[in-house]
Amino acid sequence: MKSIVQFVGLTGLAAMLLSAAAAKSFEDKFGRVMVAELVSHTGTDADNVKIDKGGKKIDVKIDVFSEKDQQFIRDWMKSTPPTLDYAFRIQAVKKKQSEIKGSRSYYSSSKTAVYVYEITVTNLTRQPVSDLRIDHRTVSQGRSKSLKFQRGSENVKGPLRYNDQIQFITTPAKIESSSGRSYYGYGSSYSFKESLLGVILRIYGPDDQPLEEWRSSGTKMGQVSWEASEQSDTTRQRGFTGEDDGDRRNDGDRRNDGDRRNDGDRRNDGDQKQPDLRDLEALKKLLESGENPFKQNKPDVKPEGIPDVKPEDFSKIFGSK
């Protein structure tokens, strides 16, 4: 029992000495001395170690140190958990998956396009990485100018070695546009077009801590935050594009303004023609002339029970004028 206690005590003391000796004077193979602190390493078999020399962190090859200091560094690496300096290169290419044109007439037209992004992530970490998670959000602007997010996630089991790549496709985003004009002077014209702004993503490490956040270029994308994409979950959404209540209100306004009129266009399934003004003028003259073709001419038939009255009888009864 006593030997066990002594072993534990010696182990703890050795760890303390190694930790305290992390900041010390180091000697290279040529006898030159420098004062530095050991900061981090990427694994017990790594060739480099990160040191802090005068407030500046640099990577140094272990074999430049003296054999004695090399052994000290290797022992320190065994007692200190490794730290990876994660680095990635991220590229996004927009691609149109499909485009569907809706009903089109003289008064209205609509179009729906579906877009995705092809994401390429390149590992620039000097060591292999694994057990990563990539959360991505495709960002668009709806009819009410509010932001909408199409969410997705990719798992990277690995190992992903230096300069290895992984590619994936984001969740499709549906972008709609529509326009309409007044119908024979009734209602008002309208138009709207949704916009695809870009994509934003986060890479998480094995401990679910964020390692890197990236977004595509663009003025509006610079104003998009990851927190906004998370908070939008509380907004009531519908449909493929996740339109909010403001979009639904605007939909109703447009339907009241023009969509009901456009129903007639769809039923007729063709362009409406404007009436010829010459035909209207001719019809007007015909009605004013009394020669109404729609009027039924009936023979003059005297109703029964009414006696014949001559003009002179009026003068006898009512007097002459």
C-alpha atoms as a PDB file:
ATOM      1  CA  MET A   1       0.000   0.000   0.000  1.00  0.00           C
ATOM      2  CA  LYS A   2       2.866   2.341   0.881  1.00  0.00           C
ATOM      3  CA  SER A   3       4.541   1.697  -2.486  1.00  0.00           C
ATOM      4  CA  ILE A   4       1.327   2.573  -4.313  1.00  0.00           C
ATOM      5  CA  VAL A   5       1.068   5.892  -2.486  1.00  0.00           C
ATOM      6  CA  GLN A   6       4.693   6.649  -3.285  1.00  0.00           C
ATOM      7  CA  PHE A   7       4.129   5.832  -6.986  1.00  0.00           C
ATOM      8  CA  VAL A   8       1.115   8.133  -7.208  1.00  0.00           C
ATOM      9  CA  GLY A   9       3.063  10.870  -5.474  1.00  0.00           C
ATOM     10  CA  LEU A  10       6.011  10.567  -7.814  1.00  0.00           C
ATOM     11  CA  THR A  11       3.725  10.554 -10.862  1.00  0.00           C
ATOM     12  CA  GLY A  12       1.991  13.720  -9.715  1.00  0.00           C
ATOM     13  CA  LEU A  13       5.315  15.378  -8.968  1.00  0.00           C
ATOM     14  CA  ALA A  14       6.651  14.492 -12.410  1.00  0.00           C
ATOM     15  CA  ALA A  15       3.582  15.979 -14.040  1.00  0.00           C
ATOM     16  CA  MET A  16       3.994  19.165 -12.016  1.00  0.00           C
ATOM     17  CA  LEU A  17       7.651  19.407 -12.962  1.00  0.00           C
ATOM     18  CA  LEU A  18       6.885  18.917 -16.649  1.00  0.00           C
ATOM     19  CA  SER A  19       4.163  21.549 -16.498  1.00  0.00           C
ATOM     20  CA  ALA A  20       6.358  23.995 -14.637  1.00  0.00           C
ATOM     21  CA  ALA A  21       9.266  23.301 -16.954  1.00  0.00           C
ATOM     22  CA  ALA A  22       7.137  24.171 -20.030  1.00  0.00           C
ATOM     23  CA  ALA A  23       8.594  27.688 -19.760  1.00  0.00           C
ATOM     24  CA  LYS A  24      12.382  27.253 -19.602  1.00  0.00           C
ATOM     25  CA  SER A  25      15.689  27.712 -21.328  1.00  0.00           C
ATOM     26  CA  PHE A  26      16.078  25.471 -24.348  1.00  0.00           C
ATOM     27  CA  GLU A  27      19.314  24.614 -26.136  1.00  0.00           C
ATOM     28  CA  ASP A  28      19.712  23.679 -29.781  1.00  0.00           C
ATOM     29  CA  LYS A  29      22.230  21.270 -31.339  1.00  0.00           C
ATOM     30  CA  PHE A  30      24.824  24.003 -31.637  1.00  0.00           C
ATOM     31  CA  GLY A  31      24.636  25.075 -27.997  1.00  0.00           C
ATOM     32  CA  ARG A  32      22.629  28.231 -28.575  1.00  0.00           C
ATOM     33  CA  VAL A  33      20.111  29.011 -25.819  1.00  0.00           C
ATOM     34  CA  MET A  34      16.679  30.598 -25.940  1.00  0.00           C
ATOM     35  CA  VAL A  35      13.938  31.089 -23.355  1.00  0.00           C
ATOM     36  CA  ALA A  36      10.528  29.888 -24.547  1.00  0.00           C
ATOM     37  CA  GLU A  37       7.324  28.241 -23.412  1.00  0.00           C
ATOM     38  CA  LEU A  38       5.831  25.130 -24.911  1.00  0.00           C
ATOM     39  CA  VAL A  39       2.304  25.969 -26.082  1.00  0.00           C
ATOM     40  CA  SER A  40       0.730  23.091 -28.003  1.00  0.00           C
ATOM     41  CA  HIS A  41       1.276  20.100 -30.228  1.00  0.00           C
ATOM     42  CA  THR A  42      -0.851  18.119 -32.680  1.00  0.00           C
ATOM     43  CA  GLY A  43       0.019  14.610 -31.464  1.00  0.00           C
ATOM     44  CA  THR A  44       2.771  12.569 -29.804  1.00  0.00           C
ATOM     45  CA  ASP A  45       4.178  11.565 -33.197  1.00  0.00           C
ATOM     46  CA  ALA A  46       4.215  15.137 -34.559  1.00  0.00           C
ATOM     47  CA  ASP A  47       7.454  16.588 -35.921  1.00  0.00           C
ATOM     48  CA  ASN A  48       6.724  20.154 -34.803  1.00  0.00           C
ATOM     49  CA  VAL A  49       5.815  21.862 -31.560  1.00  0.00           C
ATOM     50  CA  LYS A  50       4.345  25.328 -31.048  1.00  0.00           C
ATOM     51  CA  ILE A  51       6.322  27.566 -28.703  1.00  0.00           C
ATOM     52  CA  ASP A  52       5.849  31.062 -27.320  1.00  0.00           C
ATOM     53  CA  LYS A  53       9.049  33.101 -27.600  1.00  0.00           C
ATOM     54  CA  GLY A  54       8.746  36.656 -26.318  1.00  0.00           C
ATOM     55  CA  GLY A  55       4.984  36.736 -26.931  1.00  0.00           C
ATOM     56  CA  LYS A  56       5.247  35.410 -30.464  1.00  0.00           C
ATOM     57  CA  LYS A  57       3.888  31.941 -31.192  1.00  0.00           C
ATOM     58  CA  ILE A  58       5.863  29.932 -33.768  1.00  0.00           C
ATOM     59  CA  ASP A  59       6.102  26.310 -34.936  1.00  0.00           C
ATOM     60  CA  VAL A  60       9.540  24.764 -34.478  1.00  0.00           C
ATOM     61  CA  LYS A  61      10.881  21.383 -35.588  1.00  0.00           C
ATOM     62  CA  ILE A  62      11.658  19.218 -32.587  1.00  0.00           C
ATOM     63  CA  ASP A  63      14.890  17.851 -34.063  1.00  0.00           C
ATOM     64  CA  VAL A  64      16.585  21.282 -33.933  1.00  0.00           C
ATOM     65  CA  PHE A  65      16.748  21.021 -30.125  1.00  0.00           C
ATOM     66  CA  SER A  66      19.476  19.220 -28.244  1.00  0.00           C
ATOM     67  CA  GLU A  67      18.873  15.534 -27.522  1.00  0.00           C
ATOM     68  CA  LYS A  68      18.207  16.315 -23.881  1.00  0.00           C
ATOM     69  CA  ASP A  69      15.568  18.943 -24.731  1.00  0.00           C
ATOM     70  CA  GLN A  70      14.072  16.711 -27.413  1.00  0.00           C
ATOM     71  CA  GLN A  71      13.393  14.095 -24.752  1.00  0.00           C
ATOM     72  CA  PHE A  72      11.939  16.759 -22.469  1.00  0.00           C
ATOM     73  CA  ILE A  73       9.605  17.928 -25.221  1.00  0.00           C
ATOM     74  CA  ARG A  74       8.501  14.363 -26.050  1.00  0.00           C
ATOM     75  CA  ASP A  75       7.698  13.707 -22.395  1.00  0.00           C
ATOM     76  CA  TRP A  76       5.714  16.955 -22.235  1.00  0.00           C
ATOM     77  CA  MET A  77       3.763  15.982 -25.348  1.00  0.00           C
ATOM     78  CA  LYS A  78       2.777  12.642 -23.766  1.00  0.00           C
ATOM     79  CA  SER A  79       1.363  14.422 -20.707  1.00  0.00           C
ATOM     80  CA  THR A  80      -0.339  17.246 -22.631  1.00  0.00           C
ATOM     81  CA  PRO A  81      -3.450  16.629 -24.779  1.00  0.00           C
ATOM     82  CA  PRO A  82      -2.888  17.457 -28.470  1.00  0.00           C
ATOM     83  CA  THR A  83      -4.343  20.578 -30.061  1.00  0.00           C
ATOM     84  CA  LEU A  84      -5.175  20.806 -33.760  1.00  0.00           C
ATOM     85  CA  ASP A  85      -4.857  24.122 -35.569  1.00  0.00           C
ATOM     86  CA  TYR A  86      -7.856  23.626 -37.828  1.00  0.00           C
ATOM     87  CA  ALA A  87      -7.812  25.357 -41.188  1.00  0.00           C
ATOM     88  CA  PHE A  88     -10.150  24.947 -44.168  1.00  0.00           C
ATOM     89  CA  ARG A  89     -10.752  26.399 -47.632  1.00  0.00           C
ATOM     90  CA  ILE A  90     -14.430  26.668 -48.561  1.00  0.00           C
ATOM     91  CA  GLN A  91     -15.937  27.279 -52.009  1.00  0.00           C
ATOM     92  CA  ALA A  92     -19.577  27.533 -53.092  1.00  0.00           C
ATOM     93  CA  VAL A  93     -20.952  27.373 -56.652  1.00  0.00           C
ATOM     94  CA  LYS A  94     -24.596  28.284 -57.354  1.00  0.00           C
ATOM     95  CA  LYS A  95     -26.472  25.906 -59.654  1.00  0.00           C
ATOM     96  CA  LYS A  96     -30.006  26.033 -61.055  1.00  0.00           C
ATOM     97  CA  GLN A  97     -31.774  22.707 -60.719  1.00  0.00           C
ATOM     98  CA  SER A  98     -34.989  23.539 -62.540  1.00  0.00           C
ATOM     99  CA  GLU A  99     -37.276  26.312 -63.756  1.00  0.00           C
ATOM    100  CA  ILE A 100     -41.042  26.090 -64.149  1.00  0.00           C
ATOM    101  CA  LYS A 101     -43.087  28.764 -65.887  1.00  0.00           C
ATOM    102  CA  GLY A 102     -46.616  29.165 -64.608  1.00  0.00           C
ATOM    103  CA  SER A 103     -49.740  30.213 -66.490  1.00  0.00           C
ATOM    104  CA  ARG A 104     -49.049  33.148 -68.781  1.00  0.00           C
ATOM    105  CA  SER A 105     -51.486  35.544 -70.418  1.00  0.00           C
ATOM    106  CA  TYR A 106     -51.666  39.132 -71.583  1.00  0.00           C
ATOM    107  CA  TYR A 107     -52.361  40.171 -67.999  1.00  0.00           C
ATOM    108  CA  SER A 108     -50.152  37.938 -65.820  1.00  0.00           C
ATOM    109  CA  SER A 109     -47.121  35.667 -65.744  1.00  0.00           C
ATOM    110  CA  SER A 110     -45.236  33.689 -63.090  1.00  0.00           C
ATOM    111  CA  LYS A 111     -42.022  31.652 -62.799  1.00  0.00           C
ATOM    112  CA  THR A 112     -40.465  29.342 -60.189  1.00  0.00           C
ATOM    113  CA  ALA A 113     -36.758  28.453 -60.157  1.00  0.00           C
ATOM    114  CA  VAL A 114     -35.018  25.964 -57.843  1.00  0.00           C
ATOM    115  CA  TYR A 115     -31.379  26.622 -56.851  1.00  0.00           C
ATOM    116  CA  VAL A 116     -28.731  24.720 -54.873  1.00  0.00           C
ATOM    117  CA  TYR A 117     -25.114  25.374 -53.929  1.00  0.00           C
ATOM    118  CA  GLU A 118     -22.304  22.899 -54.524  1.00  0.00           C
ATOM    119  CA  ILE A 119     -20.020  23.215 -51.492  1.00  0.00           C
ATOM    120  CA  THR A 120     -16.353  22.135 -51.557  1.00  0.00           C
ATOM    121  CA  VAL A 121     -14.442  21.996 -48.248  1.00  0.00           C
ATOM    122  CA  THR A 122     -10.669  21.449 -48.398  1.00  0.00           C
ATOM    123  CA  ASN A 123      -8.749  20.443 -45.276  1.00  0.00           C
ATOM    124  CA  LEU A 124      -5.727  22.708 -44.793  1.00  0.00           C
ATOM    125  CA  THR A 125      -4.985  21.357 -41.324  1.00  0.00           C
ATOM    126  CA  ARG A 126      -1.538  19.796 -41.306  1.00  0.00           C
ATOM    127  CA  GLN A 127      -2.887  16.686 -39.630  1.00  0.00           C
ATOM    128  CA  PRO A 128      -5.826  14.423 -40.536  1.00  0.00           C
ATOM    129  CA  VAL A 129      -9.185  15.523 -39.125  1.00  0.00           C
ATOM    130  CA  SER A 130     -12.304  13.494 -38.437  1.00  0.00           C
ATOM    131  CA  ASP A 131     -15.696  13.542 -36.693  1.00  0.00           C
ATOM    132  CA  LEU A 132     -16.656  16.963 -38.036  1.00  0.00           C
ATOM    133  CA  ARG A 133     -20.138  18.369 -38.612  1.00  0.00           C
ATOM    134  CA  ILE A 134     -20.951  21.019 -41.229  1.00  0.00           C
ATOM    135  CA  ASP A 135     -24.224  22.935 -40.774  1.00  0.00           C
ATOM    136  CA  HIS A 136     -25.280  25.058 -43.751  1.00  0.00           C
ATOM    137  CA  ARG A 137     -28.017  27.613 -44.475  1.00  0.00           C
ATOM    138  CA  THR A 138     -29.121  28.776 -47.929  1.00  0.00           C
ATOM    139  CA  VAL A 139     -30.286  32.383 -47.571  1.00  0.00           C
ATOM    140  CA  SER A 140     -33.034  34.008 -49.660  1.00  0.00           C
ATOM    141  CA  GLN A 141     -35.180  37.109 -49.390  1.00  0.00           C
ATOM    142  CA  GLY A 142     -38.955  36.652 -49.538  1.00  0.00           C
ATOM    143  CA  ARG A 143     -41.689  38.835 -50.957  1.00  0.00           C
ATOM    144  CA  SER A 144     -42.002  40.761 -47.701  1.00  0.00           C
ATOM    145  CA  LYS A 145     -38.193  41.406 -47.739  1.00  0.00           C
ATOM    146  CA  SER A 146     -37.711  39.071 -44.761  1.00  0.00           C
ATOM    147  CA  LEU A 147     -34.848  36.558 -44.763  1.00  0.00           C
ATOM    148  CA  LYS A 148     -35.555  32.847 -45.207  1.00  0.00           C
ATOM    149  CA  PHE A 149     -33.196  29.940 -44.574  1.00  0.00           C
ATOM    150  CA  GLN A 150     -33.054  26.452 -46.048  1.00  0.00           C
ATOM    151  CA  ARG A 151     -31.180  24.292 -43.532  1.00  0.00           C
ATOM    152  CA  GLY A 152     -29.005  21.213 -43.913  1.00  0.00           C
ATOM    153  CA  SER A 153     -26.153  19.327 -42.240  1.00  0.00           C
ATOM    154  CA  GLU A 154     -23.297  17.057 -43.330  1.00  0.00           C
ATOM    155  CA  ASN A 155     -21.214  14.696 -41.172  1.00  0.00           C
ATOM    156  CA  VAL A 156     -17.522  14.087 -41.946  1.00  0.00           C
ATOM    157  CA  LYS A 157     -16.360  10.830 -40.362  1.00  0.00           C
ATOM    158  CA  GLY A 158     -12.877  11.052 -41.817  1.00  0.00           C
ATOM    159  CA  PRO A 159     -10.058  10.843 -41.639  1.00  0.00           C
ATOM    160  CA  LEU A 160      -9.720  13.846 -43.935  1.00  0.00           C
ATOM    161  CA  ARG A 161      -6.027  14.300 -44.624  1.00  0.00           C
ATOM    162  CA  TYR A 162      -4.206  17.465 -45.591  1.00  0.00           C
ATOM    163  CA  ASN A 163      -5.553  18.865 -48.875  1.00  0.00           C
ATOM    164  CA  ASP A 164      -8.337  16.271 -49.035  1.00  0.00           C
ATOM    165  CA  GLN A 165     -11.748  17.551 -50.125  1.00  0.00           C
ATOM    166  CA  ILE A 166     -15.377  16.832 -49.390  1.00  0.00           C
ATOM    167  CA  GLN A 167     -18.265  17.966 -51.621  1.00  0.00           C
ATOM    168  CA  PHE A 168     -21.993  18.142 -50.965  1.00  0.00           C
ATOM    169  CA  ILE A 169     -25.159  19.851 -52.237  1.00  0.00           C
ATOM    170  CA  THR A 170     -27.193  22.217 -50.074  1.00  0.00           C
ATOM    171  CA  THR A 171     -30.929  21.975 -49.491  1.00  0.00           C
ATOM    172  CA  PRO A 172     -32.833  23.273 -52.578  1.00  0.00           C
ATOM    173  CA  ALA A 173     -34.292  26.780 -52.380  1.00  0.00           C
ATOM    174  CA  LYS A 174     -37.350  27.751 -54.419  1.00  0.00           C
ATOM    175  CA  ILE A 175     -37.331  31.303 -55.821  1.00  0.00           C
ATOM    176  CA  GLU A 176     -40.612  32.690 -57.189  1.00  0.00           C
ATOM    177  CA  SER A 177     -41.466  35.696 -59.325  1.00  0.00           C
ATOM    178  CA  SER A 178     -44.771  36.995 -60.701  1.00  0.00           C
ATOM    179  CA  SER A 179     -46.254  40.058 -62.368  1.00  0.00           C
ATOM    180  CA  GLY A 180     -49.686  41.235 -63.477  1.00  0.00           C
ATOM    181  CA  ARG A 181     -51.384  44.247 -65.020  1.00  0.00           C
ATOM    182  CA  SER A 182     -54.824  45.816 -64.566  1.00  0.00           C
ATOM    183  CA  TYR A 183     -57.775  44.105 -66.259  1.00  0.00           C
ATOM    184  CA  TYR A 184     -59.791  46.514 -68.471  1.00  0.00           C
ATOM    185  CA  GLY A 185     -58.996  49.318 -66.062  1.00  0.00           C
ATOM    186  CA  TYR A 186     -59.998  47.369 -62.938  1.00  0.00           C
ATOM    187  CA  GLY A 187     -57.549  46.864 -60.062  1.00  0.00           C
ATOM    188  CA  SER A 188     -53.867  47.735 -60.190  1.00  0.00           C
ATOM    189  CA  SER A 189     -50.672  46.259 -61.577  1.00  0.00           C
ATOM    190  CA  TYR A 190     -48.345  44.249 -59.318  1.00  0.00           C
ATOM    191  CA  SER A 191     -45.016  42.427 -59.447  1.00  0.00           C
ATOM    192  CA  PHE A 192     -42.679  40.645 -57.057  1.00  0.00           C
ATOM    193  CA  LYS A 193     -39.444  38.666 -57.269  1.00  0.00           C
ATOM    194  CA  GLU A 194     -37.762  36.684 -54.527  1.00  0.00           C
ATOM    195  CA  SER A 195     -33.959  36.844 -54.328  1.00  0.00           C
ATOM    196  CA  LEU A 196     -31.301  34.194 -53.636  1.00  0.00           C
ATOM    197  CA  LEU A 197     -28.638  35.888 -51.496  1.00  0.00           C
ATOM    198  CA  GLY A 198     -26.066  33.158 -50.784  1.00  0.00           C
ATOM    199  CA  VAL A 199     -25.048  30.482 -48.299  1.00  0.00           C
ATOM    200  CA  ILE A 200     -23.600  30.504 -44.783  1.00  0.00           C
ATOM    201  CA  LEU A 201     -22.057  27.521 -42.973  1.00  0.00           C
ATOM    202  CA  ARG A 202     -20.351  26.464 -39.754  1.00  0.00           C
ATOM    203  CA  ILE A 203     -17.864  23.642 -39.144  1.00  0.00           C
ATOM    204  CA  TYR A 204     -17.991  21.956 -35.729  1.00  0.00           C
ATOM    205  CA  GLY A 205     -15.272  19.812 -34.158  1.00  0.00           C
ATOM    206  CA  PRO A 206     -15.572  16.460 -32.362  1.00  0.00           C
ATOM    207  CA  ASP A 207     -16.579  18.297 -29.158  1.00  0.00           C
ATOM    208  CA  ASP A 208     -19.385  20.192 -30.998  1.00  0.00           C
ATOM    209  CA  GLN A 209     -17.497  23.461 -30.636  1.00  0.00           C
ATOM    210  CA  PRO A 210     -17.481  25.736 -33.733  1.00  0.00           C
ATOM    211  CA  LEU A 211     -14.176  25.717 -35.588  1.00  0.00           C
ATOM    212  CA  GLU A 212     -14.939  28.023 -38.495  1.00  0.00           C
ATOM    213  CA  GLU A 213     -17.790  30.126 -39.898  1.00  0.00           C
ATOM    214  CA  TRP A 214     -17.955  31.048 -43.587  1.00  0.00           C
ATOM    215  CA  ARG A 215     -20.385  32.917 -45.855  1.00  0.00           C
ATOM    216  CA  SER A 216     -20.535  33.637 -49.563  1.00  0.00           C
ATOM    217  CA  SER A 217     -19.726  37.131 -50.785  1.00  0.00           C
ATOM    218  CA  GLY A 218     -22.296  39.881 -51.235  1.00  0.00           C
ATOM    219  CA  THR A 219     -23.365  43.118 -49.562  1.00  0.00           C
ATOM    220  CA  LYS A 220     -26.516  41.642 -48.075  1.00  0.00           C
ATOM    221  CA  MET A 221     -24.753  38.446 -46.984  1.00  0.00           C
ATOM    222  CA  GLY A 222     -22.384  40.560 -44.918  1.00  0.00           C
ATOM    223  CA  GLN A 223     -25.392  41.558 -42.810  1.00  0.00           C
ATOM    224  CA  VAL A 224     -26.608  37.982 -42.260  1.00  0.00           C
ATOM    225  CA  SER A 225     -25.667  36.443 -38.911  1.00  0.00           C
ATOM    226  CA  TRP A 226     -25.702  32.803 -37.894  1.00  0.00           C
ATOM    227  CA  GLU A 227     -27.835  33.741 -34.885  1.00  0.00           C
ATOM    228  CA  ALA A 228     -30.510  35.135 -37.233  1.00  0.00           C
ATOM    229  CA  SER A 229     -30.718  31.791 -39.017  1.00  0.00           C
ATOM    230  CA  GLU A 230     -31.263  30.049 -35.675  1.00  0.00           C
ATOM    231  CA  GLN A 231     -33.841  32.533 -34.387  1.00  0.00           C
ATOM    232  CA  SER A 232     -35.957  32.226 -37.534  1.00  0.00           C
ATOM    233  CA  ASP A 233     -37.067  28.797 -36.260  1.00  0.00           C
ATOM    234  CA  THR A 234     -39.541  30.613 -34.038  1.00  0.00           C
ATOM    235  CA  THR A 235     -41.233  32.235 -37.068  1.00  0.00           C
ATOM    236  CA  ARG A 236     -44.268  30.471 -38.448  1.00  0.00           C
ATOM    237  CA  GLN A 237     -43.362  29.153 -41.864  1.00  0.00           C
ATOM    238  CA  ARG A 238     -45.049  27.346 -44.692  1.00  0.00           C
ATOM    239  CA  GLY A 239     -44.224  25.716 -47.977  1.00  0.00           C
ATOM    240  CA  PHE A 240     -40.993  24.835 -49.657  1.00  0.00           C
ATOM    241  CA  THR A 241     -39.480  28.270 -49.138  1.00  0.00           C
ATOM    242  CA  GLY A 242     -40.629  28.735 -45.529  1.00  0.00           C
ATOM    243  CA  GLU A 243     -42.626  31.906 -46.167  1.00  0.00           C
ATOM    244  CA  ASP A 244     -43.685  33.760 -43.053  1.00  0.00           C
ATOM    245  CA  ASP A 245     -46.909  35.471 -42.026  1.00  0.00           C
ATOM    246  CA  GLY A 246     -45.902  38.686 -43.780  1.00  0.00           C
ATOM    247  CA  ASP A 247     -45.661  36.813 -47.058  1.00  0.00           C
ATOM    248  CA  ARG A 248     -49.142  35.383 -46.531  1.00  0.00           C
ATOM    249  CA  ARG A 249     -50.588  38.849 -45.934  1.00  0.00           C
ATOM    250  CA  ASN A 250     -48.957  40.140 -49.081  1.00  0.00           C
ATOM    251  CA  ASP A 251     -50.289  37.151 -50.984  1.00  0.00           C
ATOM    252  CA  GLY A 252     -53.809  38.097 -49.933  1.00  0.00           C
ATOM    253  CA  ASP A 253     -53.338  41.688 -51.053  1.00  0.00           C
ATOM    254  CA  ARG A 254     -52.162  40.596 -54.459  1.00  0.00           C
ATOM    255  CA  ARG A 255     -54.988  38.112 -54.819  1.00  0.00           C
ATOM    256  CA  ASN A 256     -57.517  40.799 -53.953  1.00  0.00           C
ATOM    257  CA  ASP A 257     -55.903  43.171 -56.413  1.00  0.00           C
ATOM    258  CA  GLY A 258     -55.376  41.003 -59.419  1.00  0.00           C
ATOM    259  CA  ASP A 259     -55.428  37.246 -58.955  1.00  0.00           C
ATOM    260  CA  ARG A 260     -59.210  36.955 -59.038  1.00  0.00           C
ATOM    261  CA  ARG A 261     -59.267  38.826 -62.312  1.00  0.00           C
ATOM    262  CA  ASN A 262     -56.582  36.545 -63.662  1.00  0.00           C
ATOM    263  CA  ASP A 263     -58.764  33.515 -62.898  1.00  0.00           C
ATOM    264  CA  GLY A 264     -60.836  34.539 -65.896  1.00  0.00           C
ATOM    265  CA  ASP A 265     -57.728  34.527 -68.033  1.00  0.00           C
ATOM    266  CA  ARG A 266     -56.873  31.001 -66.951  1.00  0.00           C
ATOM    267  CA  ARG A 267     -60.410  29.751 -67.622  1.00  0.00           C
ATOM    268  CA  ASN A 268     -60.420  31.260 -71.083  1.00  0.00           C
ATOM    269  CA  ASP A 269     -56.913  29.850 -71.573  1.00  0.00           C
ATOM    270  CA  GLY A 270     -56.023  32.535 -74.049  1.00  0.00           C
ATOM    271  CA  ASP A 271     -55.493  36.229 -74.597  1.00  0.00           C
ATOM    272  CA  GLN A 272     -58.528  38.525 -74.250  1.00  0.00           C
ATOM    273  CA  LYS A 273     -59.163  40.851 -77.197  1.00  0.00           C
ATOM    274  CA  GLN A 274     -60.123  44.492 -76.844  1.00  0.00           C
ATOM    275  CA  PRO A 275     -63.589  45.311 -78.351  1.00  0.00           C
ATOM    276  CA  ASP A 276     -63.555  47.195 -81.659  1.00  0.00           C
ATOM    277  CA  LEU A 277     -64.681  50.802 -81.134  1.00  0.00           C
ATOM    278  CA  ARG A 278     -66.205  50.879 -84.627  1.00  0.00           C
ATOM    279  CA  ASP A 279     -68.558  48.070 -83.688  1.00  0.00           C
ATOM    280  CA  LEU A 280     -69.640  49.923 -80.574  1.00  0.00           C
ATOM    281  CA  GLU A 281     -70.362  53.086 -82.578  1.00  0.00           C
ATOM    282  CA  ALA A 282     -72.423  51.167 -85.136  1.00  0.00           C
ATOM    283  CA  LEU A 283     -74.468  49.521 -82.384  1.00  0.00           C
ATOM    284  CA  LYS A 284     -75.115  52.895 -80.785  1.00  0.00           C
ATOM    285  CA  LYS A 285     -76.467  54.368 -84.063  1.00  0.00           C
ATOM    286  CA  LEU A 286     -78.662  51.323 -84.597  1.00  0.00           C
ATOM    287  CA  LEU A 287     -80.279  51.670 -81.205  1.00  0.00           C
ATOM    288  CA  GLU A 288     -80.819  55.422 -81.622  1.00  0.00           C
ATOM    289  CA  SER A 289     -82.502  54.913 -85.009  1.00  0.00           C
ATOM    290  CA  GLY A 290     -85.339  52.890 -83.499  1.00  0.00           C
ATOM    291  CA  GLU A 291     -84.558  49.939 -85.709  1.00  0.00           C
ATOM    292  CA  ASN A 292     -83.819  47.729 -82.770  1.00  0.00           C
ATOM    293  CA  PRO A 293     -83.359  44.190 -84.050  1.00  0.00           C
ATOM    294  CA  PHE A 294     -84.029  42.827 -80.577  1.00  0.00           C
ATOM    295  CA  LYS A 295     -87.444  44.500 -80.287  1.00  0.00           C
ATOM    296  CA  GLN A 296     -90.436  42.266 -81.023  1.00  0.00           C
ATOM    297  CA  ASN A 297     -92.978  43.949 -83.298  1.00  0.00           C
ATOM    298  CA  LYS A 298     -96.547  42.984 -82.371  1.00  0.00           C
ATOM    299  CA  PRO A 299     -99.696  43.715 -84.477  1.00  0.00           C
ATOM    300  CA  ASP A 300    -101.961  46.498 -83.251  1.00  0.00           C
ATOM    301  CA  VAL A 301    -104.763  44.572 -81.605  1.00  0.00           C
ATOM    302  CA  LYS A 302    -107.510  46.481 -79.761  1.00  0.00           C
ATOM    303  CA  PRO A 303    -108.224  45.004 -76.360  1.00  0.00           C
ATOM    304  CA  GLU A 304    -111.717  43.612 -75.930  1.00  0.00           C
ATOM    305  CA  GLY A 305    -114.249  45.716 -73.993  1.00  0.00           C
ATOM    306  CA  ILE A 306    -112.886  49.086 -75.119  1.00  0.00           C
ATOM    307  CA  PRO A 307    -115.360  50.977 -77.436  1.00  0.00           C
ATOM    308  CA  ASP A 308    -114.310  52.736 -80.596  1.00  0.00           C
ATOM    309  CA  VAL A 309    -113.792  56.446 -79.976  1.00  0.00           C
ATOM    310  CA  LYS A 310    -113.617  58.919 -82.824  1.00  0.00           C
ATOM    311  CA  PRO A 311    -111.726  62.222 -82.651  1.00  0.00           C
ATOM    312  CA  GLU A 312    -114.923  64.318 -82.702  1.00  0.00           C
ATOM    313  CA  ASP A 313    -116.179  62.444 -79.658  1.00  0.00           C
ATOM    314  CA  PHE A 314    -113.273  63.856 -77.640  1.00  0.00           C
ATOM    315  CA  SER A 315    -114.344  67.402 -78.467  1.00  0.00           C
ATOM    316  CA  LYS A 316    -117.873  66.727 -77.312  1.00  0.00           C
ATOM    317  CA  ILE A 317    -116.687  65.314 -74.008  1.00  0.00           C
ATOM    318  CA  PHE A 318    -113.690  67.479 -73.190  1.00  0.00           C
ATOM    319  CA  GLY A 319    -114.455  70.519 -75.358  1.00  0.00           C
ATOM    320  CA  SER A 320    -112.486  71.955 -78.230  1.00  0.00           C
ATOM    321  CA  LYS A 321    -109.105  73.392 -77.625  1.00  0.00           C
END
